[in-house]
Amino acid sequence: MLITPKSKFIKVKCEQCKNEQTIFNKPATNVMCLVCGKPLAESTGGKAKILAKVINVLE
């Protein structure tokens, strides 16, 4: 039996500076843009509240 993970990495684009960044969809802490510092994802204890535009879900 093959077990697939329920969590994934996603590529998002910052609305402010247009930087593309790969983040985890279940982060333990809030995720900020590495260029401008704007929040990209808010930790909720499970799946994150994504605050940026999702470009791609990485397999």
PDB file of N, CA and C in Angstrom:
ATOM      1  N   MET A   1       0.836  -1.178   0.000  1.00  0.00           N
ATOM      2  CA  MET A   1       0.000   0.000   0.000  1.00  0.00           C
ATOM      3  C   MET A   1       0.886   1.248   0.000  1.00  0.00           C
ATOM      4  N   LEU A   2       0.633   2.146  -0.922  1.00  0.00           N
ATOM      5  CA  LEU A   2       1.401   3.376  -1.056  1.00  0.00           C
ATOM      6  C   LEU A   2       0.751   4.484  -0.243  1.00  0.00           C
ATOM      7  N   ILE A   3       1.541   5.118   0.605  1.00  0.00           N
ATOM      8  CA  ILE A   3       1.031   6.218   1.428  1.00  0.00           C
ATOM      9  C   ILE A   3       1.492   7.535   0.825  1.00  0.00           C
ATOM     10  N   THR A   4       0.548   8.423   0.543  1.00  0.00           N
ATOM     11  CA  THR A   4       0.904   9.733  -0.008  1.00  0.00           C
ATOM     12  C   THR A   4       0.741  10.797   1.067  1.00  0.00           C
ATOM     13  N   PRO A   5       1.664  11.741   1.131  1.00  0.00           N
ATOM     14  CA  PRO A   5       1.565  12.789   2.143  1.00  0.00           C
ATOM     15  C   PRO A   5       0.412  13.743   1.853  1.00  0.00           C
ATOM     16  N   LYS A   6      -0.194  14.277   2.922  1.00  0.00           N
ATOM     17  CA  LYS A   6      -1.307  15.206   2.763  1.00  0.00           C
ATOM     18  C   LYS A   6      -0.822  16.652   2.658  1.00  0.00           C
ATOM     19  N   SER A   7       0.431  16.891   2.990  1.00  0.00           N
ATOM     20  CA  SER A   7       0.981  18.240   2.914  1.00  0.00           C
ATOM     21  C   SER A   7       1.816  18.378   1.650  1.00  0.00           C
ATOM     22  N   LYS A   8       1.893  19.601   1.151  1.00  0.00           N
ATOM     23  CA  LYS A   8       2.609  19.854  -0.104  1.00  0.00           C
ATOM     24  C   LYS A   8       3.344  21.172  -0.039  1.00  0.00           C
ATOM     25  N   PHE A   9       4.256  21.355  -0.977  1.00  0.00           N
ATOM     26  CA  PHE A   9       4.893  22.646  -1.163  1.00  0.00           C
ATOM     27  C   PHE A   9       4.124  23.368  -2.262  1.00  0.00           C
ATOM     28  N   ILE A  10       3.993  24.683  -2.122  1.00  0.00           N
ATOM     29  CA  ILE A  10       3.296  25.474  -3.137  1.00  0.00           C
ATOM     30  C   ILE A  10       4.156  26.669  -3.529  1.00  0.00           C
ATOM     31  N   LYS A  11       4.043  27.064  -4.781  1.00  0.00           N
ATOM     32  CA  LYS A  11       4.747  28.245  -5.263  1.00  0.00           C
ATOM     33  C   LYS A  11       3.751  29.388  -5.266  1.00  0.00           C
ATOM     34  N   VAL A  12       4.109  30.485  -4.595  1.00  0.00           N
ATOM     35  CA  VAL A  12       3.229  31.648  -4.499  1.00  0.00           C
ATOM     36  C   VAL A  12       3.936  32.882  -5.039  1.00  0.00           C
ATOM     37  N   LYS A  13       3.143  33.886  -5.389  1.00  0.00           N
ATOM     38  CA  LYS A  13       3.688  35.152  -5.872  1.00  0.00           C
ATOM     39  C   LYS A  13       3.235  36.260  -4.931  1.00  0.00           C
ATOM     40  N   CYS A  14       4.177  37.028  -4.432  1.00  0.00           N
ATOM     41  CA  CYS A  14       3.884  38.147  -3.542  1.00  0.00           C
ATOM     42  C   CYS A  14       3.125  39.220  -4.320  1.00  0.00           C
ATOM     43  N   GLU A  15       2.006  39.689  -3.756  1.00  0.00           N
ATOM     44  CA  GLU A  15       1.188  40.700  -4.425  1.00  0.00           C
ATOM     45  C   GLU A  15       1.903  42.049  -4.476  1.00  0.00           C
ATOM     46  N   GLN A  16       2.782  42.311  -3.523  1.00  0.00           N
ATOM     47  CA  GLN A  16       3.435  43.615  -3.440  1.00  0.00           C
ATOM     48  C   GLN A  16       4.640  43.750  -4.365  1.00  0.00           C
ATOM     49  N   CYS A  17       5.596  42.808  -4.287  1.00  0.00           N
ATOM     50  CA  CYS A  17       6.838  42.945  -5.062  1.00  0.00           C
ATOM     51  C   CYS A  17       6.954  41.942  -6.207  1.00  0.00           C
ATOM     52  N   LYS A  18       5.964  41.059  -6.365  1.00  0.00           N
ATOM     53  CA  LYS A  18       5.909  40.055  -7.450  1.00  0.00           C
ATOM     54  C   LYS A  18       6.981  38.974  -7.335  1.00  0.00           C
ATOM     55  N   ASN A  19       7.608  38.836  -6.160  1.00  0.00           N
ATOM     56  CA  ASN A  19       8.590  37.788  -5.934  1.00  0.00           C
ATOM     57  C   ASN A  19       7.888  36.438  -5.887  1.00  0.00           C
ATOM     58  N   GLU A  20       8.457  35.425  -6.541  1.00  0.00           N
ATOM     59  CA  GLU A  20       7.922  34.064  -6.490  1.00  0.00           C
ATOM     60  C   GLU A  20       8.716  33.285  -5.445  1.00  0.00           C
ATOM     61  N   GLN A  21       7.993  32.576  -4.575  1.00  0.00           N
ATOM     62  CA  GLN A  21       8.624  31.878  -3.464  1.00  0.00           C
ATOM     63  C   GLN A  21       7.923  30.548  -3.234  1.00  0.00           C
ATOM     64  N   THR A  22       8.684  29.515  -2.909  1.00  0.00           N
ATOM     65  CA  THR A  22       8.119  28.206  -2.595  1.00  0.00           C
ATOM     66  C   THR A  22       7.957  28.106  -1.080  1.00  0.00           C
ATOM     67  N   ILE A  23       6.727  27.746  -0.643  1.00  0.00           N
ATOM     68  CA  ILE A  23       6.441  27.643   0.787  1.00  0.00           C
ATOM     69  C   ILE A  23       5.737  26.316   1.071  1.00  0.00           C
ATOM     70  N   PHE A  24       5.684  25.936   2.336  1.00  0.00           N
ATOM     71  CA  PHE A  24       5.008  24.730   2.790  1.00  0.00           C
ATOM     72  C   PHE A  24       3.552  25.087   3.066  1.00  0.00           C
ATOM     73  N   ASN A  25       2.615  24.207   2.728  1.00  0.00           N
ATOM     74  CA  ASN A  25       1.202  24.559   2.921  1.00  0.00           C
ATOM     75  C   ASN A  25       0.723  24.353   4.357  1.00  0.00           C
ATOM     76  N   LYS A  26       1.571  23.770   5.223  1.00  0.00           N
ATOM     77  CA  LYS A  26       1.230  23.608   6.645  1.00  0.00           C
ATOM     78  C   LYS A  26       2.395  24.120   7.497  1.00  0.00           C
ATOM     79  N   PRO A  27       2.684  25.420   7.448  1.00  0.00           N
ATOM     80  CA  PRO A  27       3.840  25.941   8.190  1.00  0.00           C
ATOM     81  C   PRO A  27       3.562  26.050   9.688  1.00  0.00           C
ATOM     82  N   ALA A  28       4.605  25.924  10.500  1.00  0.00           N
ATOM     83  CA  ALA A  28       4.480  26.051  11.953  1.00  0.00           C
ATOM     84  C   ALA A  28       4.451  27.519  12.369  1.00  0.00           C
ATOM     85  N   THR A  29       5.016  28.401  11.541  1.00  0.00           N
ATOM     86  CA  THR A  29       5.034  29.835  11.826  1.00  0.00           C
ATOM     87  C   THR A  29       4.547  30.600  10.599  1.00  0.00           C
ATOM     88  N   ASN A  30       4.284  31.872  10.761  1.00  0.00           N
ATOM     89  CA  ASN A  30       3.887  32.706   9.633  1.00  0.00           C
ATOM     90  C   ASN A  30       5.040  32.808   8.644  1.00  0.00           C
ATOM     91  N   VAL A  31       4.720  32.862   7.347  1.00  0.00           N
ATOM     92  CA  VAL A  31       5.728  32.927   6.295  1.00  0.00           C
ATOM     93  C   VAL A  31       5.695  34.309   5.670  1.00  0.00           C
ATOM     94  N   MET A  32       6.863  34.959   5.616  1.00  0.00           N
ATOM     95  CA  MET A  32       6.981  36.298   5.047  1.00  0.00           C
ATOM     96  C   MET A  32       7.746  36.248   3.726  1.00  0.00           C
ATOM     97  N   CYS A  33       7.502  37.233   2.870  1.00  0.00           N
ATOM     98  CA  CYS A  33       8.243  37.362   1.619  1.00  0.00           C
ATOM     99  C   CYS A  33       9.696  37.664   1.946  1.00  0.00           C
ATOM    100  N   LEU A  34      10.605  36.981   1.277  1.00  0.00           N
ATOM    101  CA  LEU A  34      12.030  37.178   1.532  1.00  0.00           C
ATOM    102  C   LEU A  34      12.544  38.497   0.975  1.00  0.00           C
ATOM    103  N   VAL A  35      11.803  39.125   0.053  1.00  0.00           N
ATOM    104  CA  VAL A  35      12.245  40.375  -0.556  1.00  0.00           C
ATOM    105  C   VAL A  35      11.694  41.589   0.187  1.00  0.00           C
ATOM    106  N   CYS A  36      10.370  41.659   0.347  1.00  0.00           N
ATOM    107  CA  CYS A  36       9.757  42.862   0.921  1.00  0.00           C
ATOM    108  C   CYS A  36       9.221  42.681   2.336  1.00  0.00           C
ATOM    109  N   GLY A  37       9.104  41.446   2.822  1.00  0.00           N
ATOM    110  CA  GLY A  37       8.657  41.207   4.180  1.00  0.00           C
ATOM    111  C   GLY A  37       7.152  41.111   4.365  1.00  0.00           C
ATOM    112  N   LYS A  38       6.377  41.186   3.276  1.00  0.00           N
ATOM    113  CA  LYS A  38       4.923  41.082   3.377  1.00  0.00           C
ATOM    114  C   LYS A  38       4.540  39.643   3.742  1.00  0.00           C
ATOM    115  N   PRO A  39       3.514  39.432   4.594  1.00  0.00           N
ATOM    116  CA  PRO A  39       3.089  38.066   4.929  1.00  0.00           C
ATOM    117  C   PRO A  39       2.539  37.320   3.711  1.00  0.00           C
ATOM    118  N   LEU A  40       3.001  36.086   3.520  1.00  0.00           N
ATOM    119  CA  LEU A  40       2.531  35.246   2.416  1.00  0.00           C
ATOM    120  C   LEU A  40       1.577  34.166   2.907  1.00  0.00           C
ATOM    121  N   ALA A  41       1.796  33.673   4.131  1.00  0.00           N
ATOM    122  CA  ALA A  41       0.942  32.620   4.695  1.00  0.00           C
ATOM    123  C   ALA A  41       0.878  32.798   6.206  1.00  0.00           C
ATOM    124  N   GLU A  42      -0.309  32.547   6.741  1.00  0.00           N
ATOM    125  CA  GLU A  42      -0.539  32.674   8.178  1.00  0.00           C
ATOM    126  C   GLU A  42      -0.743  31.283   8.763  1.00  0.00           C
ATOM    127  N   SER A  43       0.042  30.949   9.770  1.00  0.00           N
ATOM    128  CA  SER A  43      -0.059  29.644  10.412  1.00  0.00           C
ATOM    129  C   SER A  43      -1.369  29.543  11.186  1.00  0.00           C
ATOM    130  N   THR A  44      -2.050  28.394  11.055  1.00  0.00           N
ATOM    131  CA  THR A  44      -3.328  28.197  11.734  1.00  0.00           C
ATOM    132  C   THR A  44      -3.309  26.943  12.603  1.00  0.00           C
ATOM    133  N   GLY A  45      -2.183  26.254  12.658  1.00  0.00           N
ATOM    134  CA  GLY A  45      -2.111  24.994  13.391  1.00  0.00           C
ATOM    135  C   GLY A  45      -2.397  23.798  12.500  1.00  0.00           C
ATOM    136  N   GLY A  46      -2.735  24.043  11.272  1.00  0.00           N
ATOM    137  CA  GLY A  46      -2.997  23.007  10.262  1.00  0.00           C
ATOM    138  C   GLY A  46      -2.629  23.596   8.916  1.00  0.00           C
ATOM    139  N   LYS A  47      -3.560  23.537   7.971  1.00  0.00           N
ATOM    140  CA  LYS A  47      -3.313  24.172   6.678  1.00  0.00           C
ATOM    141  C   LYS A  47      -3.238  25.680   6.865  1.00  0.00           C
ATOM    142  N   ALA A  48      -2.302  26.297   6.184  1.00  0.00           N
ATOM    143  CA  ALA A  48      -2.091  27.736   6.321  1.00  0.00           C
ATOM    144  C   ALA A  48      -3.158  28.533   5.592  1.00  0.00           C
ATOM    145  N   LYS A  49      -3.388  29.745   6.069  1.00  0.00           N
ATOM    146  CA  LYS A  49      -4.226  30.700   5.348  1.00  0.00           C
ATOM    147  C   LYS A  49      -3.280  31.410   4.384  1.00  0.00           C
ATOM    148  N   ILE A  50      -3.424  31.124   3.085  1.00  0.00           N
ATOM    149  CA  ILE A  50      -2.533  31.679   2.073  1.00  0.00           C
ATOM    150  C   ILE A  50      -2.969  33.108   1.761  1.00  0.00           C
ATOM    151  N   LEU A  51      -2.033  34.051   1.868  1.00  0.00           N
ATOM    152  CA  LEU A  51      -2.327  35.460   1.652  1.00  0.00           C
ATOM    153  C   LEU A  51      -1.777  35.971   0.329  1.00  0.00           C
ATOM    154  N   ALA A  52      -1.104  35.122  -0.431  1.00  0.00           N
ATOM    155  CA  ALA A  52      -0.521  35.494  -1.714  1.00  0.00           C
ATOM    156  C   ALA A  52      -1.215  34.704  -2.827  1.00  0.00           C
ATOM    157  N   LYS A  53      -0.867  35.039  -4.060  1.00  0.00           N
ATOM    158  CA  LYS A  53      -1.437  34.334  -5.219  1.00  0.00           C
ATOM    159  C   LYS A  53      -0.714  33.001  -5.418  1.00  0.00           C
ATOM    160  N   VAL A  54      -1.470  31.907  -5.446  1.00  0.00           N
ATOM    161  CA  VAL A  54      -0.887  30.575  -5.656  1.00  0.00           C
ATOM    162  C   VAL A  54      -0.628  30.389  -7.148  1.00  0.00           C
ATOM    163  N   ILE A  55       0.599  30.072  -7.487  1.00  0.00           N
ATOM    164  CA  ILE A  55       0.984  29.854  -8.890  1.00  0.00           C
ATOM    165  C   ILE A  55       0.913  28.377  -9.257  1.00  0.00           C
ATOM    166  N   ASN A  56       1.446  27.528  -8.340  1.00  0.00           N
ATOM    167  CA  ASN A  56       1.576  26.114  -8.667  1.00  0.00           C
ATOM    168  C   ASN A  56       1.643  25.282  -7.387  1.00  0.00           C
ATOM    169  N   VAL A  57       1.081  24.078  -7.420  1.00  0.00           N
ATOM    170  CA  VAL A  57       1.235  23.127  -6.319  1.00  0.00           C
ATOM    171  C   VAL A  57       2.263  22.108  -6.766  1.00  0.00           C
ATOM    172  N   LEU A  58       3.339  21.975  -6.011  1.00  0.00           N
ATOM    173  CA  LEU A  58       4.434  21.081  -6.396  1.00  0.00           C
ATOM    174  C   LEU A  58       4.161  19.683  -5.876  1.00  0.00           C
ATOM    175  N   GLU A  59       4.390  18.697  -6.712  1.00  0.00           N
ATOM    176  CA  GLU A  59       4.148  17.293  -6.353  1.00  0.00           C
ATOM    177  C   GLU A  59       5.368  16.681  -5.714  1.00  0.00           C
TER     178      GLU A  59
END
